[in-house]
Amino acid sequence: MAKKSYKSMDDFAAASGVSRPTLSKFFDDPSQIKEVTRKRIEAALKKSNFEPNLFARHLNRKRTRNIGILVPTMSDPFYVQVVSLIELELREKGFWPVQISSHTRPELEAEAVRTLLSLKVAGAIVAPLGAGSRRSALERLKDAIPVVCFDNPASADLPYVGNDNAQSMAAIVQYLCRSGEPPIFLEIPHMTENAGERQASYRATMVREGHSPLVIDCDAPPSWEFERLGYEQMQRMLAKGSLPGKTLLCANDRFAFGAMAAAFASGLKIGRNDGCDVRIAGHDDHPLSRYTCPSLTTMAQNASEIAAKSVELLLAHIESEDDGTTPATNKVILEATLVMRDSA
C-alpha cells in the first residue's frame, strides 16, 4: 500500500489529529508532548512520506537552530577534519550546521557572511582568512550574532579557540636541537597570525638552546598553495648548490610536503638515520603527514578539542546573550603534541 503524501505541516497535523503547534513541538523535542500524542504522530509518520521543512520552519523564528561554519577552504584536510568534528558536536546538541567555504577569497568570505545572516543562523564558528579578511564583514557578523573563531584569531575582538603556537614550536625546536643539527626555519607567507607566532617562538627557542636562529623567507607572492610554495622554495635553495643546513623545520606540514618532494626529486635522502642527507619536520599533524615517505615528524594540533571547545564556547555565548550574562571564558588555547616519525 502506497504511503500518503502531505503538502504542508498543516495538512499532516490535521491528518494526525493534532494541532499545528503540537506537531511543531514534536519535531523540536518529542519529550515536550504527552506520550499518547507522541505515539499518534509516530504512527501517522510511518504511514506517510511526510518530511518537515525544517529550514522553512526555522526562518519563521527569531532564532533558528542553525549554526554557520565558515572556513577558508575545504581542499585542506585539516579544515575538513575540524569541520567534520564541529558538525558532529553540533548535531549531537540539536543544532544544524550550515557550512560555507570562502575559497581563500576575501570577497567570497564577505559574501558568506551575508549568506549566513540571511539564513538567520543562531551563531557562527569561523576560521577567518586573516590578513585578507575584510574587517567590515566580520564586524557585521559579530554585531548580529555570537561568533567564535578557530585556527586563526580575527583582528576583531572575538572569542577564539586555537593552538598554542609558542608551546608547540618550542617543543619541536627543542627536540630537533637535542637530536641532531639545529633547525633552519622555512617560513611561509603570513596568511594568518599563526605564521608570525611560530616564527617568533622558533627564534626565542633557538636562543634559549644556545643557537643562532636562521629564517629562510618564502620568496614568492602570498598564496594558500603551500605544497607548491614548499617545492619551489626547496628548488631555489638546491639551485644554489647546497642547503643552508641539514635540518629544516617548515612552518606547516603542507609546506613540508612540497619541500620533501623537491628534495626527493633531487636525489636527497630524507630522514634521521645515518646516511640521510637532510631532516625535515613540519607543524600541525596534517591528516596526510603519517603517509608521506618518510613519514613526517610534526606537532599535532588537538583537532578534536578545537572542535569541541569551539562549539562549547559558541553555545555559551548564545546562552549568555539570551540570559544577559557574560561567559566565563572568551579564549581557549590548546597545547600540541610532538609526533616523532621518520623524517626527522
Protein backbone atom coordinates (compact mmCIF):
# COMPACT_ATOMS: atom_id res chain seq x y z
CA MET A 1 0.00 0.00 0.00
CA ALA A 2 1.39 3.37 -1.05
CA LYS A 3 2.21 5.82 1.71
CA LYS A 4 0.23 9.05 1.90
CA SER A 5 1.78 12.37 0.93
CA TYR A 6 1.10 15.76 2.50
CA LYS A 7 1.97 19.16 1.12
CA SER A 8 2.31 21.05 4.39
CA MET A 9 2.64 20.80 8.15
CA ASP A 10 -0.99 21.95 8.45
CA ASP A 11 -2.21 19.05 6.27
CA PHE A 12 -0.20 16.48 8.19
CA ALA A 13 -1.26 17.89 11.56
CA ALA A 14 -4.93 17.62 10.55
CA ALA A 15 -4.46 14.05 9.32
CA SER A 16 -2.69 13.12 12.56
CA GLY A 17 -5.44 14.59 14.71
CA VAL A 18 -3.19 17.11 16.45
CA SER A 19 -2.76 20.86 16.31
CA ARG A 20 -0.02 22.56 14.27
CA PRO A 21 1.75 23.89 17.44
CA THR A 22 1.76 20.39 18.94
CA LEU A 23 3.28 18.96 15.77
CA SER A 24 5.97 21.65 15.82
CA LYS A 25 6.79 20.74 19.42
CA PHE A 26 7.12 17.09 18.39
CA PHE A 27 9.69 17.87 15.69
CA ASP A 28 11.61 20.18 18.04
CA ASP A 29 11.65 17.82 21.00
CA PRO A 30 9.30 14.80 21.24
CA SER A 31 9.66 14.74 25.03
CA GLN A 32 7.71 18.03 25.22
CA ILE A 33 4.40 16.35 24.41
CA LYS A 34 2.32 13.62 26.05
CA GLU A 35 3.23 10.01 25.26
CA VAL A 36 -0.18 9.20 23.78
CA THR A 37 0.08 12.19 21.42
CA ARG A 38 3.63 11.29 20.51
CA LYS A 39 2.63 7.74 19.60
CA ARG A 40 -0.23 9.06 17.45
CA ILE A 41 2.16 11.27 15.46
CA GLU A 42 4.76 8.49 15.13
CA ALA A 43 2.09 6.13 13.81
CA ALA A 44 0.97 8.72 11.25
CA LEU A 45 4.57 9.26 10.15
CA LYS A 46 5.03 5.54 9.47
CA LYS A 47 2.01 5.61 7.14
CA SER A 48 3.14 8.69 5.23
CA ASN A 49 6.04 10.15 3.24
CA PHE A 50 5.89 13.39 5.20
CA GLU A 51 9.19 15.20 5.92
CA PRO A 52 9.01 18.56 7.71
CA ASN A 53 10.69 21.51 6.02
CA LEU A 54 12.95 22.37 8.96
CA PHE A 55 14.62 25.20 7.07
CA ALA A 56 11.35 26.98 6.39
CA ARG A 57 10.17 26.48 9.98
CA HIS A 58 13.40 27.93 11.33
CA LEU A 59 13.18 31.02 9.13
CA ASN A 60 9.92 31.92 10.84
CA ARG A 61 11.65 32.10 14.21
CA LYS A 62 13.63 34.94 15.75
CA ARG A 63 16.45 32.47 16.40
CA THR A 64 16.97 29.25 14.47
CA ARG A 65 18.76 26.04 15.42
CA ASN A 66 21.19 26.58 12.55
CA ILE A 67 24.87 27.31 13.18
CA GLY A 68 27.12 28.70 10.44
CA ILE A 69 30.61 27.30 9.83
CA LEU A 70 32.90 29.40 7.64
CA VAL A 71 36.42 28.29 6.65
CA PRO A 72 38.98 29.46 4.04
CA THR A 73 38.97 26.23 2.04
CA MET A 74 37.68 22.68 2.08
CA SER A 75 40.57 21.40 -0.03
CA ASP A 76 42.78 21.35 3.08
CA PRO A 77 42.22 18.10 5.04
CA PHE A 78 42.94 19.92 8.32
CA TYR A 79 39.84 22.09 7.84
CA VAL A 80 37.87 19.09 6.62
CA GLN A 81 38.81 17.21 9.79
CA VAL A 82 37.92 20.04 12.18
CA VAL A 83 34.69 20.97 10.36
CA SER A 84 33.55 17.33 10.40
CA LEU A 85 34.12 17.20 14.15
CA ILE A 86 32.30 20.51 14.66
CA GLU A 87 29.33 19.25 12.66
CA LEU A 88 29.08 16.11 14.81
CA GLU A 89 29.30 18.16 18.01
CA LEU A 90 26.53 20.49 16.81
CA ARG A 91 24.24 17.69 15.67
CA GLU A 92 24.64 15.93 18.99
CA LYS A 93 23.49 19.11 20.73
CA GLY A 94 20.46 19.55 18.48
CA PHE A 95 21.81 22.16 16.04
CA TRP A 96 22.02 22.07 12.25
CA PRO A 97 25.41 23.01 10.75
CA VAL A 98 25.49 25.25 7.67
CA GLN A 99 29.00 25.03 6.20
CA ILE A 100 30.44 27.54 3.68
CA SER A 101 33.94 27.95 2.26
CA SER A 102 35.37 31.31 1.19
CA HIS A 103 37.75 29.56 -1.24
CA THR A 104 40.54 31.79 0.20
CA ARG A 105 38.95 34.86 -1.43
CA PRO A 106 38.05 37.93 0.68
CA GLU A 107 35.04 38.83 -1.47
CA LEU A 108 33.62 35.31 -1.04
CA GLU A 109 34.22 35.45 2.70
CA ALA A 110 32.21 38.68 2.81
CA GLU A 111 29.52 37.06 0.64
CA ALA A 112 29.42 34.07 3.01
CA VAL A 113 28.82 36.42 5.93
CA ARG A 114 25.84 37.95 4.12
CA THR A 115 24.51 34.47 3.33
CA LEU A 116 24.76 33.28 6.94
CA LEU A 117 22.96 36.37 8.18
CA SER A 118 20.21 35.90 5.59
CA LEU A 119 19.74 32.34 6.86
CA LYS A 120 19.24 33.70 10.40
CA VAL A 121 21.82 31.37 11.92
CA ALA A 122 21.93 31.45 15.71
CA GLY A 123 25.71 31.82 15.72
CA ALA A 124 28.81 31.10 13.67
CA ILE A 125 32.14 29.30 14.03
CA VAL A 126 34.67 30.94 11.73
CA ALA A 127 38.25 30.32 10.63
CA PRO A 128 38.97 33.76 9.13
CA LEU A 129 41.25 34.35 6.17
CA GLY A 130 43.36 36.53 8.42
CA ALA A 131 45.19 39.42 6.75
CA GLY A 132 42.96 39.01 3.69
CA SER A 133 39.69 39.24 5.61
CA ARG A 134 37.52 42.30 5.18
CA ARG A 135 37.24 43.64 8.70
CA SER A 136 33.85 45.20 7.98
CA ALA A 137 32.36 41.80 7.11
CA LEU A 138 33.49 40.15 10.35
CA GLU A 139 32.41 43.21 12.33
CA ARG A 140 28.96 42.97 10.77
CA LEU A 141 28.76 39.28 11.66
CA LYS A 142 29.79 39.74 15.30
CA ASP A 143 27.39 42.68 15.71
CA ALA A 144 24.48 40.49 14.59
CA ILE A 145 25.14 37.09 16.19
CA PRO A 146 27.54 35.31 18.58
CA VAL A 147 30.76 34.33 16.75
CA VAL A 148 33.70 32.13 17.74
CA CYS A 149 36.90 31.97 15.69
CA PHE A 150 39.16 28.95 15.45
CA ASP A 151 42.62 28.29 13.96
CA ASN A 152 43.21 31.98 13.23
CA PRO A 153 42.19 34.79 15.58
CA ALA A 154 40.46 37.59 13.70
CA SER A 155 41.62 41.16 14.06
CA ALA A 156 38.17 41.85 15.50
CA ASP A 157 37.83 41.20 19.23
CA LEU A 158 36.15 37.80 19.07
CA PRO A 159 36.15 34.63 21.21
CA TYR A 160 38.85 32.27 19.97
CA VAL A 161 39.91 28.62 20.15
CA GLY A 162 43.29 27.65 18.77
CA ASN A 163 46.73 26.14 19.05
CA ASP A 164 49.40 27.37 21.47
CA ASN A 165 51.98 28.20 18.81
CA ALA A 166 54.58 29.32 21.34
CA GLN A 167 54.41 25.96 23.14
CA SER A 168 54.24 23.79 20.05
CA MET A 169 57.06 25.44 18.13
CA ALA A 170 59.26 25.47 21.24
CA ALA A 171 58.70 21.74 21.72
CA ILE A 172 59.73 20.74 18.21
CA VAL A 173 62.71 23.12 18.10
CA GLN A 174 63.99 21.66 21.38
CA TYR A 175 63.57 18.13 20.04
CA LEU A 176 65.42 18.90 16.80
CA CYS A 177 68.25 20.73 18.60
CA ARG A 178 68.77 17.89 21.04
CA SER A 179 68.54 15.09 18.49
CA GLY A 180 70.78 16.48 15.76
CA GLU A 181 71.82 19.63 13.96
CA PRO A 182 69.79 22.74 14.98
CA PRO A 183 66.95 23.52 12.55
CA ILE A 184 66.74 26.17 9.84
CA PHE A 185 63.21 27.64 9.75
CA LEU A 186 61.44 27.66 6.37
CA GLU A 187 58.85 30.42 6.57
CA ILE A 188 55.52 30.55 4.76
CA PRO A 189 53.66 33.69 3.61
CA HIS A 190 51.92 35.30 6.59
CA MET A 191 48.39 34.46 5.53
CA THR A 192 47.32 34.14 9.19
CA GLU A 193 48.63 35.21 12.58
CA ASN A 194 49.86 31.66 13.21
CA ALA A 195 52.85 32.17 10.91
CA GLY A 196 54.21 35.12 12.85
CA GLU A 197 53.69 33.42 16.21
CA ARG A 198 55.52 30.29 15.08
CA GLN A 199 58.50 32.20 13.73
CA ALA A 200 58.76 34.24 16.95
CA SER A 201 58.71 31.07 19.04
CA TYR A 202 61.34 29.45 16.79
CA ARG A 203 63.68 32.42 17.23
CA ALA A 204 63.22 32.59 21.01
CA THR A 205 63.69 28.85 21.50
CA MET A 206 66.83 28.71 19.36
CA VAL A 207 68.38 31.44 21.52
CA ARG A 208 67.42 29.60 24.71
CA GLU A 209 69.00 26.44 23.31
CA GLY A 210 72.21 28.35 22.63
CA HIS A 211 71.96 28.56 18.84
CA SER A 212 71.59 31.35 16.30
CA PRO A 213 68.21 31.28 14.54
CA LEU A 214 68.18 31.28 10.74
CA VAL A 215 64.90 32.00 8.93
CA ILE A 216 64.55 31.45 5.18
CA ASP A 217 61.68 33.62 3.97
CA CYS A 218 59.41 32.27 1.25
CA ASP A 219 60.47 34.07 -1.91
CA ALA A 220 57.07 34.00 -3.59
CA PRO A 221 53.82 36.02 -3.68
CA PRO A 222 51.32 35.16 -0.87
CA SER A 223 49.30 32.04 -1.65
CA TRP A 224 47.43 29.24 0.11
CA GLU A 225 49.11 26.71 -2.22
CA PHE A 226 51.64 25.75 0.43
CA GLU A 227 52.76 22.49 -1.20
CA ARG A 228 53.74 24.32 -4.38
CA LEU A 229 55.47 27.05 -2.40
CA GLY A 230 57.47 24.49 -0.42
CA TYR A 231 58.52 22.65 -3.56
CA GLU A 232 59.64 25.82 -5.31
CA GLN A 233 61.45 27.13 -2.23
CA MET A 234 63.42 23.91 -1.89
CA GLN A 235 64.27 24.01 -5.60
CA ARG A 236 65.61 27.56 -5.23
CA MET A 237 67.79 26.55 -2.28
CA LEU A 238 69.14 23.49 -4.07
CA ALA A 239 69.88 25.54 -7.17
CA LYS A 240 72.42 27.49 -5.11
CA GLY A 241 74.48 24.33 -4.74
CA SER A 242 73.71 23.24 -1.19
CA LEU A 243 71.18 23.58 1.60
CA PRO A 244 71.79 26.09 4.42
CA GLY A 245 71.66 23.24 6.94
CA LYS A 246 70.90 19.54 7.41
CA THR A 247 67.73 20.10 9.48
CA LEU A 248 64.78 22.02 8.01
CA LEU A 249 61.75 22.98 10.10
CA CYS A 250 58.81 24.06 7.97
CA ALA A 251 56.16 26.44 9.33
CA ASN A 252 53.43 23.94 8.44
CA ASP A 253 53.10 20.39 7.15
CA ARG A 254 51.79 21.33 3.73
CA PHE A 255 54.91 23.41 3.05
CA ALA A 256 56.98 20.44 4.29
CA PHE A 257 55.24 18.13 1.78
CA GLY A 258 56.45 20.30 -1.08
CA ALA A 259 59.97 20.61 0.35
CA MET A 260 60.20 16.82 0.76
CA ALA A 261 59.04 16.23 -2.81
CA ALA A 262 61.67 18.59 -4.21
CA ALA A 263 64.40 17.05 -2.05
CA PHE A 264 63.45 13.57 -3.22
CA ALA A 265 63.37 14.71 -6.86
CA SER A 266 66.93 16.00 -6.49
CA GLY A 267 68.14 12.66 -5.14
CA LEU A 268 68.43 13.62 -1.46
CA LYS A 269 67.67 11.04 1.22
CA ILE A 270 65.36 12.39 3.91
CA GLY A 271 65.37 11.01 7.45
CA ARG A 272 67.01 10.90 10.85
CA ASN A 273 69.09 7.75 10.35
CA ASP A 274 72.78 7.58 9.47
CA GLY A 275 73.36 8.11 5.77
CA CYS A 276 70.46 10.53 5.34
CA ASP A 277 71.16 13.91 3.72
CA VAL A 278 68.56 16.09 5.43
CA ARG A 279 65.98 16.05 8.21
CA ILE A 280 62.65 17.74 7.51
CA ALA A 281 59.92 18.47 10.08
CA GLY A 282 56.63 20.33 9.99
CA HIS A 283 53.80 21.54 12.18
CA ASP A 284 50.06 20.68 12.50
CA ASP A 285 49.98 16.87 12.05
CA HIS A 286 48.07 17.25 8.80
CA PRO A 287 45.95 14.08 8.24
CA LEU A 288 48.32 13.00 5.44
CA SER A 289 51.56 13.55 7.43
CA ARG A 290 51.81 9.95 8.55
CA TYR A 291 51.56 8.74 4.94
CA THR A 292 54.42 10.72 3.39
CA CYS A 293 57.61 8.82 2.60
CA PRO A 294 59.29 9.04 5.00
CA SER A 295 56.50 9.85 7.45
CA LEU A 296 56.68 13.44 8.67
CA THR A 297 57.80 14.44 12.17
CA THR A 298 55.49 17.22 13.30
CA MET A 299 53.46 18.81 16.10
CA ALA A 300 49.90 17.51 16.36
CA GLN A 301 47.22 20.10 16.91
CA ASN A 302 44.36 18.81 19.06
CA ALA A 303 41.69 18.84 16.35
CA SER A 304 39.00 17.13 18.43
CA GLU A 305 39.40 19.61 21.29
CA ILE A 306 39.49 22.57 18.88
CA ALA A 307 36.11 21.41 17.54
CA ALA A 308 34.59 20.60 20.93
CA LYS A 309 35.74 23.82 22.60
CA SER A 310 34.63 25.95 19.62
CA VAL A 311 31.10 24.55 19.90
CA GLU A 312 31.10 24.77 23.70
CA LEU A 313 32.25 28.40 23.64
CA LEU A 314 29.74 29.41 20.95
CA LEU A 315 26.79 27.83 22.74
CA ALA A 316 27.88 29.51 25.97
CA HIS A 317 27.82 32.89 24.19
CA ILE A 318 24.41 32.16 22.66
CA GLU A 319 23.04 31.24 26.08
CA SER A 320 24.63 34.28 27.75
CA GLU A 321 23.10 36.54 25.12
CA ASP A 322 19.68 35.12 25.95
CA ASP A 323 20.27 35.44 29.72
CA GLY A 324 22.00 38.80 29.63
CA THR A 325 25.08 37.36 31.33
CA THR A 326 28.78 37.29 30.43
CA PRO A 327 30.53 33.98 29.55
CA ALA A 328 33.31 32.97 31.91
CA THR A 329 35.71 32.20 29.05
CA ASN A 330 36.50 34.08 25.86
CA LYS A 331 39.65 32.30 24.71
CA VAL A 332 40.83 28.69 24.75
CA ILE A 333 44.46 27.94 23.83
CA LEU A 334 45.37 24.27 23.42
CA GLU A 335 48.79 22.65 23.58
CA ALA A 336 50.06 20.44 20.75
CA THR A 337 51.85 17.09 20.98
CA LEU A 338 55.18 16.15 19.43
CA VAL A 339 54.86 13.32 16.91
CA MET A 340 58.24 11.76 16.13
CA ARG A 341 58.28 9.96 12.81
CA ASP A 342 60.95 9.00 10.28
CA SER A 343 61.66 12.33 8.56
CA ALA A 344 63.47 13.99 11.48
